[in-house]
PDB file of N, CA and C in Angstrom:
ATOM      1  N   MET A   1       0.619  -0.844  -0.325  1.00  0.00           N
ATOM      2  CA  MET A   1      -0.062  -0.232   0.186  1.00  0.00           C
ATOM      3  C   MET A   1       1.018   1.327   0.122  1.00  0.00           C
ATOM      4  N   LYS A   2       0.507   2.023  -1.178  1.00  0.00           N
ATOM      5  CA  LYS A   2       1.648   3.150  -0.784  1.00  0.00           C
ATOM      6  C   LYS A   2       0.797   4.287   0.374  1.00  0.00           C
ATOM      7  N   ILE A   3       1.211   4.810   1.101  1.00  0.00           N
ATOM      8  CA  ILE A   3       0.689   6.044   1.748  1.00  0.00           C
ATOM      9  C   ILE A   3       0.668   6.838   1.178  1.00  0.00           C
ATOM     10  N   LYS A   4       1.079   7.690   0.549  1.00  0.00           N
ATOM     11  CA  LYS A   4       1.567   9.057  -0.095  1.00  0.00           C
ATOM     12  C   LYS A   4      -0.353   8.808  -0.935  1.00  0.00           C
ATOM     13  N   ARG A   5      -0.942   7.805  -1.349  1.00  0.00           N
ATOM     14  CA  ARG A   5      -2.525   7.652  -2.047  1.00  0.00           C
ATOM     15  C   ARG A   5      -3.436   8.010  -0.979  1.00  0.00           C
ATOM     16  N   MET A   6      -3.000   8.537   0.617  1.00  0.00           N
ATOM     17  CA  MET A   6      -3.899   7.886   1.319  1.00  0.00           C
ATOM     18  C   MET A   6      -3.745   9.581   1.964  1.00  0.00           C
ATOM     19  N   LYS A   7      -5.369  10.394   2.201  1.00  0.00           N
ATOM     20  CA  LYS A   7      -5.317  11.104   2.813  1.00  0.00           C
ATOM     21  C   LYS A   7      -6.463  11.922   3.665  1.00  0.00           C
ATOM     22  N   ALA A   8      -6.453  12.644   4.322  1.00  0.00           N
ATOM     23  CA  ALA A   8      -7.397  13.052   5.640  1.00  0.00           C
ATOM     24  C   ALA A   8      -9.280  12.880   4.882  1.00  0.00           C
ATOM     25  N   GLY A   9      -9.810  11.681   5.237  1.00  0.00           N
ATOM     26  CA  GLY A   9     -11.316  12.032   4.706  1.00  0.00           C
ATOM     27  C   GLY A   9     -11.485  10.665   4.083  1.00  0.00           C
ATOM     28  N   ASP A  10     -10.117  10.000   3.315  1.00  0.00           N
ATOM     29  CA  ASP A  10     -10.374   8.337   3.041  1.00  0.00           C
ATOM     30  C   ASP A  10     -11.375   7.443   3.917  1.00  0.00           C
ATOM     31  N   VAL A  11     -11.690   6.696   3.359  1.00  0.00           N
ATOM     32  CA  VAL A  11     -12.354   5.530   3.971  1.00  0.00           C
ATOM     33  C   VAL A  11     -11.341   4.377   4.121  1.00  0.00           C
ATOM     34  N   VAL A  12     -10.901   3.491   4.578  1.00  0.00           N
ATOM     35  CA  VAL A  12     -10.077   2.463   4.659  1.00  0.00           C
ATOM     36  C   VAL A  12     -10.252   1.402   5.339  1.00  0.00           C
ATOM     37  N   VAL A  13      -9.884   0.325   4.504  1.00  0.00           N
ATOM     38  CA  VAL A  13     -10.770  -0.838   5.545  1.00  0.00           C
ATOM     39  C   VAL A  13      -8.927  -1.532   6.264  1.00  0.00           C
ATOM     40  N   PHE A  14      -9.239  -1.884   7.508  1.00  0.00           N
ATOM     41  CA  PHE A  14      -8.047  -2.772   8.222  1.00  0.00           C
ATOM     42  C   PHE A  14      -8.416  -4.111   9.026  1.00  0.00           C
ATOM     43  N   ALA A  15      -7.429  -4.851   8.697  1.00  0.00           N
ATOM     44  CA  ALA A  15      -7.254  -6.254   9.229  1.00  0.00           C
ATOM     45  C   ALA A  15      -7.471  -5.797  10.934  1.00  0.00           C
ATOM     46  N   ASP A  16      -8.544  -6.210  11.680  1.00  0.00           N
ATOM     47  CA  ASP A  16      -8.669  -6.021  13.228  1.00  0.00           C
ATOM     48  C   ASP A  16      -9.205  -7.456  13.570  1.00  0.00           C
ATOM     49  N   TRP A  17      -7.889  -7.783  14.274  1.00  0.00           N
ATOM     50  CA  TRP A  17      -8.646  -9.382  15.131  1.00  0.00           C
ATOM     51  C   TRP A  17      -9.343 -10.076  14.389  1.00  0.00           C
ATOM     52  N   ASN A  18      -8.892 -10.652  12.933  1.00  0.00           N
ATOM     53  CA  ASN A  18      -9.091 -11.437  12.099  1.00  0.00           C
ATOM     54  C   ASN A  18     -10.675 -11.099  11.252  1.00  0.00           C
ATOM     55  N   LYS A  19     -10.641  -9.991  11.429  1.00  0.00           N
ATOM     56  CA  LYS A  19     -12.087  -9.173  10.617  1.00  0.00           C
ATOM     57  C   LYS A  19     -12.062  -8.085  10.291  1.00  0.00           C
ATOM     58  N   ASN A  20     -12.327  -7.387   8.950  1.00  0.00           N
ATOM     59  CA  ASN A  20     -12.422  -6.752   8.133  1.00  0.00           C
ATOM     60  C   ASN A  20     -13.094  -5.380   9.284  1.00  0.00           C
ATOM     61  N   SER A  21     -12.555  -4.137   9.493  1.00  0.00           N
ATOM     62  CA  SER A  21     -12.928  -3.245   9.994  1.00  0.00           C
ATOM     63  C   SER A  21     -12.802  -2.042   8.938  1.00  0.00           C
ATOM     64  N   ILE A  22     -13.486  -1.019   9.100  1.00  0.00           N
ATOM     65  CA  ILE A  22     -13.948   0.243   8.077  1.00  0.00           C
ATOM     66  C   ILE A  22     -13.565   1.828   9.139  1.00  0.00           C
ATOM     67  N   GLY A  23     -12.724   2.469   8.770  1.00  0.00           N
ATOM     68  CA  GLY A  23     -12.453   3.431   8.912  1.00  0.00           C
ATOM     69  C   GLY A  23     -12.097   4.491   8.240  1.00  0.00           C
ATOM     70  N   THR A  24     -12.122   5.959   8.654  1.00  0.00           N
ATOM     71  CA  THR A  24     -11.970   7.302   8.070  1.00  0.00           C
ATOM     72  C   THR A  24     -10.431   7.605   8.201  1.00  0.00           C
ATOM     73  N   VAL A  25      -9.577   7.791   7.908  1.00  0.00           N
ATOM     74  CA  VAL A  25      -8.112   8.824   7.712  1.00  0.00           C
ATOM     75  C   VAL A  25      -8.776  10.132   8.398  1.00  0.00           C
ATOM     76  N   GLN A  26      -7.893  10.291   9.584  1.00  0.00           N
ATOM     77  CA  GLN A  26      -7.513  11.507  10.379  1.00  0.00           C
ATOM     78  C   GLN A  26      -6.828  12.334   9.499  1.00  0.00           C
ATOM     79  N   SER A  27      -5.894  11.787   9.966  1.00  0.00           N
ATOM     80  CA  SER A  27      -4.289  11.810   9.647  1.00  0.00           C
ATOM     81  C   SER A  27      -3.427  11.089   9.157  1.00  0.00           C
ATOM     82  N   ILE A  28      -2.229  11.564   8.981  1.00  0.00           N
ATOM     83  CA  ILE A  28      -1.252  10.498   8.513  1.00  0.00           C
ATOM     84  C   ILE A  28       0.315  11.316   9.039  1.00  0.00           C
ATOM     85  N   GLY A  29       0.851  10.134   9.987  1.00  0.00           N
ATOM     86  CA  GLY A  29       1.902  10.714  11.037  1.00  0.00           C
ATOM     87  C   GLY A  29       2.983  11.012   9.799  1.00  0.00           C
ATOM     88  N   GLU A  30       4.195  11.988  10.652  1.00  0.00           N
ATOM     89  CA  GLU A  30       4.850  11.965  10.345  1.00  0.00           C
ATOM     90  C   GLU A  30       6.009  11.070   8.903  1.00  0.00           C
ATOM     91  N   ARG A  31       6.233  11.405   8.249  1.00  0.00           N
ATOM     92  CA  ARG A  31       6.465  10.310   7.519  1.00  0.00           C
ATOM     93  C   ARG A  31       6.287   9.023   7.418  1.00  0.00           C
ATOM     94  N   GLY A  32       4.724   8.728   7.301  1.00  0.00           N
ATOM     95  CA  GLY A  32       3.793   8.113   6.941  1.00  0.00           C
ATOM     96  C   GLY A  32       3.835   6.754   7.312  1.00  0.00           C
ATOM     97  N   GLY A  33       4.473   7.111   8.778  1.00  0.00           N
ATOM     98  CA  GLY A  33       4.464   5.822   9.740  1.00  0.00           C
ATOM     99  C   GLY A  33       3.397   5.141   9.985  1.00  0.00           C
ATOM    100  N   ILE A  34       2.254   6.218  10.309  1.00  0.00           N
ATOM    101  CA  ILE A  34       1.060   5.513  11.274  1.00  0.00           C
ATOM    102  C   ILE A  34       0.152   6.341  10.334  1.00  0.00           C
ATOM    103  N   VAL A  35      -1.198   5.816  10.437  1.00  0.00           N
ATOM    104  CA  VAL A  35      -2.255   6.392   9.759  1.00  0.00           C
ATOM    105  C   VAL A  35      -3.488   6.283  11.061  1.00  0.00           C
ATOM    106  N   PHE A  36      -3.291   7.592  11.439  1.00  0.00           N
ATOM    107  CA  PHE A  36      -4.686   7.824  12.674  1.00  0.00           C
ATOM    108  C   PHE A  36      -5.975   7.830  11.547  1.00  0.00           C
ATOM    109  N   LEU A  37      -7.187   7.222  12.109  1.00  0.00           N
ATOM    110  CA  LEU A  37      -8.408   7.288  12.179  1.00  0.00           C
ATOM    111  C   LEU A  37      -9.024   7.887  13.288  1.00  0.00           C
ATOM    112  N   THR A  38     -10.455   8.365  12.485  1.00  0.00           N
ATOM    113  CA  THR A  38     -11.378   9.385  13.166  1.00  0.00           C
ATOM    114  C   THR A  38     -11.543   8.995  14.566  1.00  0.00           C
ATOM    115  N   ASN A  39     -11.914   7.444  14.645  1.00  0.00           N
ATOM    116  CA  ASN A  39     -11.987   6.698  15.853  1.00  0.00           C
ATOM    117  C   ASN A  39     -11.221   7.046  16.806  1.00  0.00           C
ATOM    118  N   GLY A  40     -10.188   7.452  16.511  1.00  0.00           N
ATOM    119  CA  GLY A  40      -9.373   7.075  17.867  1.00  0.00           C
ATOM    120  C   GLY A  40      -8.214   6.082  17.855  1.00  0.00           C
ATOM    121  N   LYS A  41      -8.277   5.897  16.423  1.00  0.00           N
ATOM    122  CA  LYS A  41      -7.370   4.014  16.826  1.00  0.00           C
ATOM    123  C   LYS A  41      -6.098   4.748  15.569  1.00  0.00           C
ATOM    124  N   TRP A  42      -5.627   3.904  15.547  1.00  0.00           N
ATOM    125  CA  TRP A  42      -4.140   4.162  14.601  1.00  0.00           C
ATOM    126  C   TRP A  42      -3.736   2.453  14.500  1.00  0.00           C
ATOM    127  N   LYS A  43      -3.414   2.615  12.985  1.00  0.00           N
ATOM    128  CA  LYS A  43      -2.890   1.223  11.954  1.00  0.00           C
ATOM    129  C   LYS A  43      -1.460   1.886  11.523  1.00  0.00           C
ATOM    130  N   PHE A  44      -0.576   0.474  11.236  1.00  0.00           N
ATOM    131  CA  PHE A  44      -0.222   1.119  10.293  1.00  0.00           C
ATOM    132  C   PHE A  44      -0.114   0.818   8.919  1.00  0.00           C
ATOM    133  N   PRO A  45       1.183   1.343   7.945  1.00  0.00           N
ATOM    134  CA  PRO A  45      -0.109   1.800   6.594  1.00  0.00           C
ATOM    135  C   PRO A  45       0.087   0.228   6.233  1.00  0.00           C
ATOM    136  N   GLN A  46       0.625  -0.311   6.498  1.00  0.00           N
ATOM    137  CA  GLN A  46       0.597  -1.943   5.595  1.00  0.00           C
ATOM    138  C   GLN A  46      -0.510  -2.947   5.976  1.00  0.00           C
ATOM    139  N   SER A  47      -1.308  -2.170   7.307  1.00  0.00           N
ATOM    140  CA  SER A  47      -2.349  -2.947   7.483  1.00  0.00           C
ATOM    141  C   SER A  47      -3.798  -2.543   6.978  1.00  0.00           C
ATOM    142  N   VAL A  48      -3.779  -0.695   6.056  1.00  0.00           N
ATOM    143  CA  VAL A  48      -4.622  -0.121   5.751  1.00  0.00           C
ATOM    144  C   VAL A  48      -4.538  -0.280   4.149  1.00  0.00           C
ATOM    145  N   VAL A  49      -6.009  -0.620   3.797  1.00  0.00           N
ATOM    146  CA  VAL A  49      -6.072  -0.395   1.771  1.00  0.00           C
ATOM    147  C   VAL A  49      -6.999   0.444   1.898  1.00  0.00           C
ATOM    148  N   LEU A  50      -7.560   1.177   1.158  1.00  0.00           N
ATOM    149  CA  LEU A  50      -8.042   1.911   0.449  1.00  0.00           C
ATOM    150  C   LEU A  50      -9.739   1.081   0.090  1.00  0.00           C
ATOM    151  N   LEU A  51     -10.917   1.639   0.746  1.00  0.00           N
ATOM    152  CA  LEU A  51     -12.203   1.117   0.264  1.00  0.00           C
ATOM    153  C   LEU A  51     -12.210   1.127  -0.918  1.00  0.00           C
ATOM    154  N   ARG A  52     -12.166   2.061  -1.734  1.00  0.00           N
ATOM    155  CA  ARG A  52     -12.490   1.886  -2.859  1.00  0.00           C
ATOM    156  C   ARG A  52     -11.969   0.878  -3.864  1.00  0.00           C
ATOM    157  N   ASP A  53     -10.181   0.872  -2.955  1.00  0.00           N
ATOM    158  CA  ASP A  53      -9.295  -0.097  -4.050  1.00  0.00           C
ATOM    159  C   ASP A  53      -9.914  -1.686  -3.664  1.00  0.00           C
ATOM    160  N   ARG A  54     -10.162  -2.233  -2.549  1.00  0.00           N
ATOM    161  CA  ARG A  54     -11.020  -2.945  -2.123  1.00  0.00           C
ATOM    162  C   ARG A  54     -11.517  -3.725  -2.700  1.00  0.00           C
ATOM    163  N   LEU A  55     -12.867  -2.758  -2.867  1.00  0.00           N
ATOM    164  CA  LEU A  55     -13.868  -3.052  -3.313  1.00  0.00           C
ATOM    165  C   LEU A  55     -14.013  -3.515  -5.060  1.00  0.00           C
ATOM    166  N   GLU A  56     -12.744  -2.787  -5.980  1.00  0.00           N
ATOM    167  CA  GLU A  56     -12.616  -3.056  -7.246  1.00  0.00           C
ATOM    168  C   GLU A  56     -11.642  -4.398  -7.383  1.00  0.00           C
ATOM    169  N   TYR A  57     -11.089  -4.831  -6.232  1.00  0.00           N
ATOM    170  CA  TYR A  57     -10.496  -6.189  -6.264  1.00  0.00           C
ATOM    171  C   TYR A  57     -11.408  -6.969  -6.250  1.00  0.00           C
ATOM    172  N   LEU A  58     -13.032  -7.079  -5.554  1.00  0.00           N
ATOM    173  CA  LEU A  58     -13.597  -7.835  -5.322  1.00  0.00           C
ATOM    174  C   LEU A  58     -14.229  -8.101  -6.506  1.00  0.00           C
ATOM    175  N   ARG A  59     -14.504  -6.781  -7.298  1.00  0.00           N
ATOM    176  CA  ARG A  59     -15.313  -6.821  -8.843  1.00  0.00           C
ATOM    177  C   ARG A  59     -14.548  -7.859  -9.398  1.00  0.00           C
ATOM    178  N   GLY A  60     -13.330  -7.796  -9.422  1.00  0.00           N
ATOM    179  CA  GLY A  60     -12.676  -8.500 -10.506  1.00  0.00           C
ATOM    180  C   GLY A  60     -12.894 -10.059 -10.098  1.00  0.00           C
ATOM    181  N   GLU A  61     -12.850  -9.961  -8.549  1.00  0.00           N
ATOM    182  CA  GLU A  61     -12.851 -11.330  -8.197  1.00  0.00           C
ATOM    183  C   GLU A  61     -14.155 -11.882  -8.810  1.00  0.00           C
ATOM    184  N   LEU A  62     -15.251 -10.983  -8.624  1.00  0.00           N
ATOM    185  CA  LEU A  62     -16.918 -11.401  -8.800  1.00  0.00           C
ATOM    186  C   LEU A  62     -16.909 -11.437 -10.490  1.00  0.00           C
ATOM    187  N   ARG A  63     -15.793 -10.854 -11.349  1.00  0.00           N
ATOM    188  CA  ARG A  63     -16.397 -10.831 -12.517  1.00  0.00           C
ATOM    189  C   ARG A  63     -15.058 -12.533 -13.037  1.00  0.00           C
ATOM    190  N   ASN A  64     -14.485 -12.173 -12.732  1.00  0.00           N
ATOM    191  CA  ASN A  64     -13.801 -13.618 -12.566  1.00  0.00           C
ATOM    192  C   ASN A  64     -14.202 -15.461 -12.135  1.00  0.00           C
ATOM    193  N   GLY A  65     -15.247 -14.854 -11.730  1.00  0.00           N
ATOM    194  CA  GLY A  65     -15.968 -16.131 -10.839  1.00  0.00           C
ATOM    195  C   GLY A  65     -14.936 -16.842  -9.393  1.00  0.00           C
ATOM    196  N   GLN A  66     -14.217 -15.840  -9.223  1.00  0.00           N
ATOM    197  CA  GLN A  66     -13.438 -16.411  -8.429  1.00  0.00           C
ATOM    198  C   GLN A  66     -13.479 -15.839  -6.713  1.00  0.00           C
ATOM    199  N   ILE A  67     -14.955 -15.394  -6.900  1.00  0.00           N
ATOM    200  CA  ILE A  67     -14.938 -14.588  -5.417  1.00  0.00           C
ATOM    201  C   ILE A  67     -15.386 -16.117  -4.427  1.00  0.00           C
ATOM    202  N   SER A  68     -14.699 -16.040  -3.596  1.00  0.00           N
ATOM    203  CA  SER A  68     -15.337 -16.743  -2.269  1.00  0.00           C
ATOM    204  C   SER A  68     -16.150 -16.652  -1.526  1.00  0.00           C
ATOM    205  N   TYR A  69     -17.122 -16.837  -0.358  1.00  0.00           N
ATOM    206  CA  TYR A  69     -18.190 -16.918   0.378  1.00  0.00           C
ATOM    207  C   TYR A  69     -17.578 -15.924   0.927  1.00  0.00           C
ATOM    208  N   GLY A  70     -16.482 -16.369   1.492  1.00  0.00           N
ATOM    209  CA  GLY A  70     -15.881 -14.977   2.851  1.00  0.00           C
ATOM    210  C   GLY A  70     -16.093 -13.454   1.975  1.00  0.00           C
ATOM    211  N   GLU A  71     -15.571 -13.416   0.852  1.00  0.00           N
ATOM    212  CA  GLU A  71     -15.631 -12.194   0.683  1.00  0.00           C
ATOM    213  C   GLU A  71     -16.662 -11.815   0.137  1.00  0.00           C
ATOM    214  N   ILE A  72     -17.474 -12.787  -0.267  1.00  0.00           N
ATOM    215  CA  ILE A  72     -18.561 -12.271  -0.641  1.00  0.00           C
ATOM    216  C   ILE A  72     -19.742 -11.738   1.194  1.00  0.00           C
ATOM    217  N   ALA A  73     -19.279 -12.073   1.994  1.00  0.00           N
ATOM    218  CA  ALA A  73     -19.635 -11.758   3.318  1.00  0.00           C
ATOM    219  C   ALA A  73     -19.007 -10.501   3.366  1.00  0.00           C
ATOM    220  N   GLU A  74     -17.431 -10.369   3.221  1.00  0.00           N
ATOM    221  CA  GLU A  74     -17.026  -8.630   3.055  1.00  0.00           C
ATOM    222  C   GLU A  74     -17.393  -8.087   2.435  1.00  0.00           C
ATOM    223  N   LEU A  75     -18.009  -8.255   1.204  1.00  0.00           N
ATOM    224  CA  LEU A  75     -19.179  -7.080   0.434  1.00  0.00           C
ATOM    225  C   LEU A  75     -20.340  -6.954   0.878  1.00  0.00           C
ATOM    226  N   GLN A  76     -20.907  -7.867   1.473  1.00  0.00           N
ATOM    227  CA  GLN A  76     -21.922  -7.467   2.080  1.00  0.00           C
ATOM    228  C   GLN A  76     -21.801  -6.875   3.422  1.00  0.00           C
ATOM    229  N   SER A  77     -20.519  -6.198   4.299  1.00  0.00           N
ATOM    230  CA  SER A  77     -20.518  -5.786   5.137  1.00  0.00           C
ATOM    231  C   SER A  77     -20.298  -4.440   4.660  1.00  0.00           C
ATOM    232  N   TYR A  78     -19.779  -4.022   3.374  1.00  0.00           N
ATOM    233  CA  TYR A  78     -19.546  -2.542   2.689  1.00  0.00           C
ATOM    234  C   TYR A  78     -20.549  -2.157   1.483  1.00  0.00           C
ATOM    235  N   SER A  79     -21.903  -2.702   1.725  1.00  0.00           N
ATOM    236  CA  SER A  79     -22.958  -2.402   1.161  1.00  0.00           C
ATOM    237  C   SER A  79     -23.331  -0.838   1.469  1.00  0.00           C
ATOM    238  N   ASP A  80     -23.048  -0.386   2.408  1.00  0.00           N
ATOM    239  CA  ASP A  80     -23.735   0.914   2.804  1.00  0.00           C
ATOM    240  C   ASP A  80     -22.654   2.065   2.365  1.00  0.00           C
ATOM    241  N   TYR A  81     -21.209   1.540   1.487  1.00  0.00           N
ATOM    242  CA  TYR A  81     -19.973   2.553   1.402  1.00  0.00           C
ATOM    243  C   TYR A  81     -20.437   2.140  -0.442  1.00  0.00           C
ATOM    244  N   ILE A  82     -21.124   1.440  -1.047  1.00  0.00           N
ATOM    245  CA  ILE A  82     -20.707   0.927  -2.261  1.00  0.00           C
ATOM    246  C   ILE A  82     -22.007   1.935  -3.364  1.00  0.00           C
ATOM    247  N   GLY A  83     -21.726   2.722  -4.168  1.00  0.00           N
ATOM    248  CA  GLY A  83     -22.584   3.536  -5.040  1.00  0.00           C
ATOM    249  C   GLY A  83     -23.457   2.691  -5.595  1.00  0.00           C
ATOM    250  N   LYS A  84     -24.719   3.939  -4.701  1.00  0.00           N
ATOM    251  CA  LYS A  84     -26.588   3.643  -5.238  1.00  0.00           C
ATOM    252  C   LYS A  84     -26.243   3.038  -7.297  1.00  0.00           C
ATOM    253  N   ASP A  85     -25.450   3.352  -8.146  1.00  0.00           N
ATOM    254  CA  ASP A  85     -25.080   3.087  -9.306  1.00  0.00           C
ATOM    255  C   ASP A  85     -24.714   1.913  -9.333  1.00  0.00           C
ATOM    256  N   ASP A  86     -23.933   1.139  -7.971  1.00  0.00           N
ATOM    257  CA  ASP A  86     -23.082   0.541  -8.998  1.00  0.00           C
ATOM    258  C   ASP A  86     -24.025  -1.003  -8.814  1.00  0.00           C
ATOM    259  N   VAL A  87     -25.119  -1.384  -9.587  1.00  0.00           N
ATOM    260  CA  VAL A  87     -25.513  -2.641  -9.523  1.00  0.00           C
ATOM    261  C   VAL A  87     -24.877  -3.766  -9.617  1.00  0.00           C
ATOM    262  N   GLU A  88     -23.809  -3.844 -10.322  1.00  0.00           N
ATOM    263  CA  GLU A  88     -23.360  -5.126  -9.635  1.00  0.00           C
ATOM    264  C   GLU A  88     -22.514  -5.560  -8.600  1.00  0.00           C
ATOM    265  N   LEU A  89     -21.975  -4.698  -7.802  1.00  0.00           N
ATOM    266  CA  LEU A  89     -21.826  -5.164  -6.467  1.00  0.00           C
ATOM    267  C   LEU A  89     -22.749  -4.901  -5.691  1.00  0.00           C
ATOM    268  N   LEU A  90     -24.053  -4.263  -5.402  1.00  0.00           N
ATOM    269  CA  LEU A  90     -24.882  -4.094  -5.163  1.00  0.00           C
ATOM    270  C   LEU A  90     -25.674  -5.285  -4.840  1.00  0.00           C
ATOM    271  N   GLU A  91     -25.845  -5.895  -6.428  1.00  0.00           N
ATOM    272  CA  GLU A  91     -26.350  -7.485  -7.058  1.00  0.00           C
ATOM    273  C   GLU A  91     -25.590  -7.924  -5.896  1.00  0.00           C
ATOM    274  N   ALA A  92     -24.184  -8.473  -5.809  1.00  0.00           N
ATOM    275  CA  ALA A  92     -23.515  -9.434  -5.477  1.00  0.00           C
ATOM    276  C   ALA A  92     -23.638  -9.675  -3.676  1.00  0.00           C
ATOM    277  N   ALA A  93     -23.840  -7.940  -3.344  1.00  0.00           N
ATOM    278  CA  ALA A  93     -24.136  -8.466  -1.637  1.00  0.00           C
ATOM    279  C   ALA A  93     -25.458  -8.023  -1.712  1.00  0.00           C
ATOM    280  N   GLY A  94     -26.001  -8.647  -1.817  1.00  0.00           N
ATOM    281  CA  GLY A  94     -27.414  -8.679  -2.259  1.00  0.00           C
ATOM    282  C   GLY A  94     -27.904  -7.863  -1.654  1.00  0.00           C
ATOM    283  N   VAL A  95     -27.759  -6.840  -1.526  1.00  0.00           N
ATOM    284  CA  VAL A  95     -29.023  -6.133  -1.939  1.00  0.00           C
ATOM    285  C   VAL A  95     -30.241  -5.890  -2.744  1.00  0.00           C
ATOM    286  N   PRO A  96     -31.250  -5.615  -1.627  1.00  0.00           N
ATOM    287  CA  PRO A  96     -32.601  -5.552  -2.538  1.00  0.00           C
ATOM    288  C   PRO A  96     -32.692  -3.995  -3.697  1.00  0.00           C
ATOM    289  N   GLU A  97     -32.999  -4.433  -4.821  1.00  0.00           N
ATOM    290  CA  GLU A  97     -33.131  -3.712  -5.836  1.00  0.00           C
ATOM    291  C   GLU A  97     -33.332  -2.089  -5.421  1.00  0.00           C
ATOM    292  N   PHE A  98     -34.764  -2.010  -4.795  1.00  0.00           N
ATOM    293  CA  PHE A  98     -35.282  -0.606  -4.365  1.00  0.00           C
ATOM    294  C   PHE A  98     -35.045  -0.614  -2.881  1.00  0.00           C
ATOM    295  N   ALA A  99     -34.102  -1.112  -2.944  1.00  0.00           N
ATOM    296  CA  ALA A  99     -33.800  -0.383  -0.822  1.00  0.00           C
ATOM    297  C   ALA A  99     -33.620   1.222  -1.292  1.00  0.00           C
TER     298      ALA A  99
END
């Protein structure tokens, strides 16, 4: 993960006790060593991925027919962050069409 791609306000995904969690970047430490989140937590940049990048990875797995049940469950947990016009990901996440 290239830390310089992140900025305050970006929504990120990070591994936390064997489950994916979502946070919003508040600031990045000097020299890019630590990402501070708005919920008061901090993470090392290696454990943080921009949510939009993770969604695109999951889209690729879906299109290739290689998405796992765990990744589908992960996608479902991100349903509030998927664009309302992104029918492909919303459908895979199990969001009703007229929700």
